Structures are given as structure tokens and as C-alpha cells.
Amino acid sequence: MNSKTKIKYGIGILILEIILLGLWIYTMKPDPSISIGIILIVPILFGLNLIIGLILYFFKKPFSKIFLANSIICPLIFYAFWSLWFMNYHERNNTEFKFSLNEIVYELSIGKNNEYFYLCDENNDGRVYVGKYEKKGDSLILNDTEARMYIIDNKLFEFPEKRTGIELIKTE
């Protein structure tokens, strides 16, 4: 097998690998709680390609060098896709709001893929409100263990520090 054919097969394997790894991460939709999994996945990809390359080498197959090189390239591609998935993860999966009260800036995060919210000041110096929310028409009801707040027309009502409406500013 000549070198041009090997290069074509190598590029084909690389393109197939990029597509498969990208689809795998896209369908898996990992969340930050499983990001430690990269410690297991990267060595498995390295080892799998290394084993395939060594087996092909011992059987004197021409693709052995491609798989041996791929044992380095594949984990790097996976790591790149993994990192890209988590880039802007929080913004993609949460709606963020800010508001100021008594010279303190508060942040409110509402999950798009779950029914949880998180409300605290920027420095986490004060009380943190965490709980579930439920959607009622155009409004949201935020239920914390000690407080029940409402969001109606981008205004927060019944916030423990101020019961009247507080204008929420959506952040990107």
C-alpha cells in the first residue's frame, strides 16, 4: 500500500473519529457533575487505539502506524470536544438575572432543563435561596424552604428583603 493511500485512509479515519466523538458527546449531553469522567474516558481511548495499533503491527498490517498515531490524536480530539461542550454550559442551561437592593447586587439563576433556581448576592455573603420553581402561565413561583417568591413580567415579588416588585435585568 503506497503512502498516498495510507494518508487518505488516515484522513478518513480522522474525519470519522471527529464525527463519532462529536455525536457521542452531543447525545450524551454531559453535565458538570460527571466531568470527572474524563479521567476514565481519555485513558480508555488512548489504550483502545494503542491496542488496535499493536495488534495490527503484530499482524503486519499497514494501518498499525495510523492507529498508533491515533492513540495520541483521539484523546486530544475528545478533550477538545469535551471542553467545547462545557464552554458556556451555564448560560446554555440557565436563565440569568441580576438586581440591586441596598447597594448589594443579587444573581438569580433559573434552570432551563430542570425546575431549580438559585438566588444569592454576588459575593455569597448573605442568605442563599435555593429550591424548585413552578411555571404558572407567564409567571414563576420560586419555593425555597423559608421563602416563596414570584416572578411576574420580569419583576421579583415577595423577596424577603423587599416585598414589593424588584426589576430583574436579564444577563447574557
C-alpha atoms as a PDB file:
ATOM      1  CA  MET A   1       0.000   0.000   0.000  1.00  0.00           C
ATOM      2  CA  ASN A   2       1.502   3.326  -1.039  1.00  0.00           C
ATOM      3  CA  SER A   3       1.771   6.400   1.186  1.00  0.00           C
ATOM      4  CA  LYS A   4      -0.996   8.366  -0.619  1.00  0.00           C
ATOM      5  CA  THR A   5      -3.483   5.599   0.135  1.00  0.00           C
ATOM      6  CA  LYS A   6      -2.383   5.486   3.766  1.00  0.00           C
ATOM      7  CA  ILE A   7      -2.845   9.259   4.056  1.00  0.00           C
ATOM      8  CA  LYS A   8      -6.343   9.014   2.525  1.00  0.00           C
ATOM      9  CA  TYR A   9      -7.298   6.267   4.976  1.00  0.00           C
ATOM     10  CA  GLY A  10      -5.765   8.233   7.854  1.00  0.00           C
ATOM     11  CA  ILE A  11      -7.756  11.354   6.944  1.00  0.00           C
ATOM     12  CA  GLY A  12     -10.898   9.221   6.539  1.00  0.00           C
ATOM     13  CA  ILE A  13     -10.395   7.665   9.977  1.00  0.00           C
ATOM     14  CA  LEU A  14      -9.756  11.129  11.454  1.00  0.00           C
ATOM     15  CA  ILE A  15     -12.962  12.556   9.927  1.00  0.00           C
ATOM     16  CA  LEU A  16     -14.972   9.534  11.074  1.00  0.00           C
ATOM     17  CA  GLU A  17     -13.485   9.844  14.552  1.00  0.00           C
ATOM     18  CA  ILE A  18     -14.331  13.552  14.769  1.00  0.00           C
ATOM     19  CA  ILE A  19     -17.917  12.867  13.717  1.00  0.00           C
ATOM     20  CA  LEU A  20     -18.349   9.926  16.118  1.00  0.00           C
ATOM     21  CA  LEU A  21     -16.786  11.667  19.127  1.00  0.00           C
ATOM     22  CA  GLY A  22     -18.794  14.832  18.451  1.00  0.00           C
ATOM     23  CA  LEU A  23     -22.046  12.871  18.151  1.00  0.00           C
ATOM     24  CA  TRP A  24     -21.234  10.856  21.256  1.00  0.00           C
ATOM     25  CA  ILE A  25     -20.758  13.949  23.393  1.00  0.00           C
ATOM     26  CA  TYR A  26     -23.794  15.646  21.825  1.00  0.00           C
ATOM     27  CA  THR A  27     -26.079  12.682  22.517  1.00  0.00           C
ATOM     28  CA  MET A  28     -24.581  12.050  25.974  1.00  0.00           C
ATOM     29  CA  LYS A  29     -25.126  15.720  26.963  1.00  0.00           C
ATOM     30  CA  PRO A  30     -22.784  15.549  29.956  1.00  0.00           C
ATOM     31  CA  ASP A  31     -23.304  17.878  32.882  1.00  0.00           C
ATOM     32  CA  PRO A  32     -20.603  19.213  35.188  1.00  0.00           C
ATOM     33  CA  SER A  33     -21.306  16.563  37.814  1.00  0.00           C
ATOM     34  CA  ILE A  34     -19.804  13.874  35.560  1.00  0.00           C
ATOM     35  CA  SER A  35     -16.867  15.886  34.267  1.00  0.00           C
ATOM     36  CA  ILE A  36     -14.554  13.701  36.348  1.00  0.00           C
ATOM     37  CA  GLY A  37     -15.373  11.020  33.781  1.00  0.00           C
ATOM     38  CA  ILE A  38     -12.737  12.493  31.504  1.00  0.00           C
ATOM     39  CA  ILE A  39     -10.150  10.868  33.771  1.00  0.00           C
ATOM     40  CA  LEU A  40     -11.541   7.493  32.702  1.00  0.00           C
ATOM     41  CA  ILE A  41     -12.507   8.172  29.088  1.00  0.00           C
ATOM     42  CA  VAL A  42      -9.210   9.670  27.874  1.00  0.00           C
ATOM     43  CA  PRO A  43      -7.059   6.703  29.003  1.00  0.00           C
ATOM     44  CA  ILE A  44      -9.613   4.262  27.558  1.00  0.00           C
ATOM     45  CA  LEU A  45      -9.456   5.984  24.162  1.00  0.00           C
ATOM     46  CA  PHE A  46      -5.663   6.038  24.330  1.00  0.00           C
ATOM     47  CA  GLY A  47      -5.470   2.380  25.322  1.00  0.00           C
ATOM     48  CA  LEU A  48      -8.026   1.207  22.781  1.00  0.00           C
ATOM     49  CA  ASN A  49      -6.191   2.852  19.873  1.00  0.00           C
ATOM     50  CA  LEU A  50      -2.848   1.632  21.202  1.00  0.00           C
ATOM     51  CA  ILE A  51      -4.110  -1.962  21.456  1.00  0.00           C
ATOM     52  CA  ILE A  52      -5.585  -1.836  17.933  1.00  0.00           C
ATOM     53  CA  GLY A  53      -2.324  -0.378  16.614  1.00  0.00           C
ATOM     54  CA  LEU A  54      -0.209  -3.037  18.344  1.00  0.00           C
ATOM     55  CA  ILE A  55      -2.446  -5.873  17.121  1.00  0.00           C
ATOM     56  CA  LEU A  56      -2.223  -4.565  13.565  1.00  0.00           C
ATOM     57  CA  TYR A  57       1.545  -4.166  13.959  1.00  0.00           C
ATOM     58  CA  PHE A  58       1.993  -7.792  15.033  1.00  0.00           C
ATOM     59  CA  PHE A  59      -0.122  -8.964  12.078  1.00  0.00           C
ATOM     60  CA  LYS A  60       1.992  -6.770   9.782  1.00  0.00           C
ATOM     61  CA  LYS A  61      -0.982  -4.664   8.651  1.00  0.00           C
ATOM     62  CA  PRO A  62      -0.280  -1.279   7.049  1.00  0.00           C
ATOM     63  CA  PHE A  63      -2.682   0.663   9.292  1.00  0.00           C
ATOM     64  CA  SER A  64      -0.779  -0.019  12.501  1.00  0.00           C
ATOM     65  CA  LYS A  65       1.081   3.305  12.382  1.00  0.00           C
ATOM     66  CA  ILE A  66      -2.191   5.193  11.828  1.00  0.00           C
ATOM     67  CA  PHE A  67      -3.716   3.681  14.973  1.00  0.00           C
ATOM     68  CA  LEU A  68      -0.542   4.204  16.967  1.00  0.00           C
ATOM     69  CA  ALA A  69      -0.597   7.906  15.992  1.00  0.00           C
ATOM     70  CA  ASN A  70      -4.319   7.964  16.638  1.00  0.00           C
ATOM     71  CA  SER A  71      -3.723   6.827  20.217  1.00  0.00           C
ATOM     72  CA  ILE A  72      -2.414  10.366  20.809  1.00  0.00           C
ATOM     73  CA  ILE A  73      -4.772  12.240  18.469  1.00  0.00           C
ATOM     74  CA  CYS A  74      -8.051  10.616  19.604  1.00  0.00           C
ATOM     75  CA  PRO A  75      -7.822  11.631  23.294  1.00  0.00           C
ATOM     76  CA  LEU A  76      -6.875  15.175  22.238  1.00  0.00           C
ATOM     77  CA  ILE A  77      -9.912  15.415  19.960  1.00  0.00           C
ATOM     78  CA  PHE A  78     -12.131  14.051  22.709  1.00  0.00           C
ATOM     79  CA  TYR A  79     -10.705  16.532  25.219  1.00  0.00           C
ATOM     80  CA  ALA A  80     -11.304  19.391  22.766  1.00  0.00           C
ATOM     81  CA  PHE A  81     -14.946  18.363  22.236  1.00  0.00           C
ATOM     82  CA  TRP A  82     -15.432  17.862  25.984  1.00  0.00           C
ATOM     83  CA  SER A  83     -14.045  21.333  26.695  1.00  0.00           C
ATOM     84  CA  LEU A  84     -16.171  22.899  23.954  1.00  0.00           C
ATOM     85  CA  TRP A  85     -19.284  21.264  25.404  1.00  0.00           C
ATOM     86  CA  PHE A  86     -18.712  22.904  28.785  1.00  0.00           C
ATOM     87  CA  MET A  87     -17.878  26.290  27.313  1.00  0.00           C
ATOM     88  CA  ASN A  88     -20.929  28.475  28.069  1.00  0.00           C
ATOM     89  CA  TYR A  89     -22.655  25.462  29.658  1.00  0.00           C
ATOM     90  CA  HIS A  90     -24.173  27.518  32.451  1.00  0.00           C
ATOM     91  CA  GLU A  91     -25.538  30.172  30.086  1.00  0.00           C
ATOM     92  CA  ARG A  92     -26.933  27.496  27.736  1.00  0.00           C
ATOM     93  CA  ASN A  93     -28.796  25.694  30.531  1.00  0.00           C
ATOM     94  CA  ASN A  94     -29.865  28.570  32.796  1.00  0.00           C
ATOM     95  CA  THR A  95     -31.600  31.891  32.523  1.00  0.00           C
ATOM     96  CA  GLU A  96     -29.678  34.516  34.483  1.00  0.00           C
ATOM     97  CA  PHE A  97     -30.998  37.686  36.111  1.00  0.00           C
ATOM     98  CA  LYS A  98     -29.431  40.376  38.299  1.00  0.00           C
ATOM     99  CA  PHE A  99     -30.900  43.048  40.516  1.00  0.00           C
ATOM    100  CA  SER A 100     -29.646  45.545  43.081  1.00  0.00           C
ATOM    101  CA  LEU A 101     -31.057  46.186  46.501  1.00  0.00           C
ATOM    102  CA  ASN A 102     -29.457  48.334  49.215  1.00  0.00           C
ATOM    103  CA  GLU A 103     -26.191  48.521  47.233  1.00  0.00           C
ATOM    104  CA  ILE A 104     -25.993  44.713  47.041  1.00  0.00           C
ATOM    105  CA  VAL A 105     -26.115  43.006  43.649  1.00  0.00           C
ATOM    106  CA  TYR A 106     -28.062  39.740  43.598  1.00  0.00           C
ATOM    107  CA  GLU A 107     -27.916  36.991  40.993  1.00  0.00           C
ATOM    108  CA  LEU A 108     -30.819  34.716  40.119  1.00  0.00           C
ATOM    109  CA  SER A 109     -30.288  31.584  38.047  1.00  0.00           C
ATOM    110  CA  ILE A 110     -33.279  29.615  36.768  1.00  0.00           C
ATOM    111  CA  GLY A 111     -32.709  26.206  35.192  1.00  0.00           C
ATOM    112  CA  LYS A 112     -33.961  25.674  31.650  1.00  0.00           C
ATOM    113  CA  ASN A 113     -33.667  21.878  31.787  1.00  0.00           C
ATOM    114  CA  ASN A 114     -34.803  21.353  35.356  1.00  0.00           C
ATOM    115  CA  GLU A 115     -37.103  23.028  37.857  1.00  0.00           C
ATOM    116  CA  TYR A 116     -34.457  24.509  40.171  1.00  0.00           C
ATOM    117  CA  PHE A 117     -33.416  28.074  40.912  1.00  0.00           C
ATOM    118  CA  TYR A 118     -30.514  29.647  42.794  1.00  0.00           C
ATOM    119  CA  LEU A 119     -30.555  33.169  44.244  1.00  0.00           C
ATOM    120  CA  CYS A 120     -27.702  34.817  46.148  1.00  0.00           C
ATOM    121  CA  ASP A 121     -25.727  38.026  46.319  1.00  0.00           C
ATOM    122  CA  GLU A 122     -22.650  38.357  44.116  1.00  0.00           C
ATOM    123  CA  ASN A 123     -20.258  37.730  46.993  1.00  0.00           C
ATOM    124  CA  ASN A 124     -22.308  34.975  48.683  1.00  0.00           C
ATOM    125  CA  ASP A 125     -22.175  36.994  51.899  1.00  0.00           C
ATOM    126  CA  GLY A 126     -25.837  36.762  52.775  1.00  0.00           C
ATOM    127  CA  ARG A 127     -28.642  34.279  52.642  1.00  0.00           C
ATOM    128  CA  VAL A 128     -28.731  31.883  49.691  1.00  0.00           C
ATOM    129  CA  TYR A 129     -32.104  30.843  48.308  1.00  0.00           C
ATOM    130  CA  VAL A 130     -32.217  27.502  46.522  1.00  0.00           C
ATOM    131  CA  GLY A 131     -35.245  25.484  45.605  1.00  0.00           C
ATOM    132  CA  LYS A 132     -37.714  24.470  42.978  1.00  0.00           C
ATOM    133  CA  TYR A 133     -39.792  26.721  40.796  1.00  0.00           C
ATOM    134  CA  GLU A 134     -43.031  26.122  39.016  1.00  0.00           C
ATOM    135  CA  LYS A 135     -44.380  27.871  35.983  1.00  0.00           C
ATOM    136  CA  LYS A 136     -47.916  29.262  36.128  1.00  0.00           C
ATOM    137  CA  GLY A 137     -48.823  30.932  32.841  1.00  0.00           C
ATOM    138  CA  ASP A 138     -46.325  33.751  32.279  1.00  0.00           C
ATOM    139  CA  SER A 139     -45.155  33.806  35.896  1.00  0.00           C
ATOM    140  CA  LEU A 140     -42.848  31.693  38.029  1.00  0.00           C
ATOM    141  CA  ILE A 141     -43.267  30.678  41.646  1.00  0.00           C
ATOM    142  CA  LEU A 142     -39.935  30.217  43.449  1.00  0.00           C
ATOM    143  CA  ASN A 143     -40.175  27.968  46.507  1.00  0.00           C
ATOM    144  CA  ASP A 144     -37.312  27.972  48.996  1.00  0.00           C
ATOM    145  CA  THR A 145     -37.540  26.211  52.373  1.00  0.00           C
ATOM    146  CA  GLU A 146     -38.169  29.580  54.066  1.00  0.00           C
ATOM    147  CA  ALA A 147     -39.481  31.840  51.305  1.00  0.00           C
ATOM    148  CA  ARG A 148     -41.988  31.874  48.469  1.00  0.00           C
ATOM    149  CA  MET A 149     -41.243  34.417  45.749  1.00  0.00           C
ATOM    150  CA  TYR A 150     -42.901  35.257  42.445  1.00  0.00           C
ATOM    151  CA  ILE A 151     -41.620  36.474  39.098  1.00  0.00           C
ATOM    152  CA  ILE A 152     -44.218  38.321  37.071  1.00  0.00           C
ATOM    153  CA  ASP A 153     -43.305  40.404  33.990  1.00  0.00           C
ATOM    154  CA  ASN A 154     -39.572  40.351  34.863  1.00  0.00           C
ATOM    155  CA  LYS A 155     -40.238  41.606  38.393  1.00  0.00           C
ATOM    156  CA  LEU A 156     -39.477  39.691  41.576  1.00  0.00           C
ATOM    157  CA  PHE A 157     -42.125  39.889  44.300  1.00  0.00           C
ATOM    158  CA  GLU A 158     -42.024  38.762  47.938  1.00  0.00           C
ATOM    159  CA  PHE A 159     -38.230  38.791  48.165  1.00  0.00           C
ATOM    160  CA  PRO A 160     -37.621  38.661  51.946  1.00  0.00           C
ATOM    161  CA  GLU A 161     -35.557  41.882  51.957  1.00  0.00           C
ATOM    162  CA  LYS A 162     -38.159  43.782  49.891  1.00  0.00           C
ATOM    163  CA  ARG A 163     -41.721  42.567  49.391  1.00  0.00           C
ATOM    164  CA  THR A 164     -42.645  44.919  46.531  1.00  0.00           C
ATOM    165  CA  GLY A 165     -41.642  44.357  42.904  1.00  0.00           C
ATOM    166  CA  ILE A 166     -37.941  44.372  42.062  1.00  0.00           C
ATOM    167  CA  GLU A 167     -36.989  44.865  38.410  1.00  0.00           C
ATOM    168  CA  LEU A 168     -34.940  41.926  37.107  1.00  0.00           C
ATOM    169  CA  ILE A 169     -32.249  42.519  34.493  1.00  0.00           C
ATOM    170  CA  LYS A 170     -31.584  39.551  32.234  1.00  0.00           C
ATOM    171  CA  THR A 171     -27.877  38.861  31.772  1.00  0.00           C
ATOM    172  CA  GLU A 172     -26.184  37.036  28.904  1.00  0.00           C
END
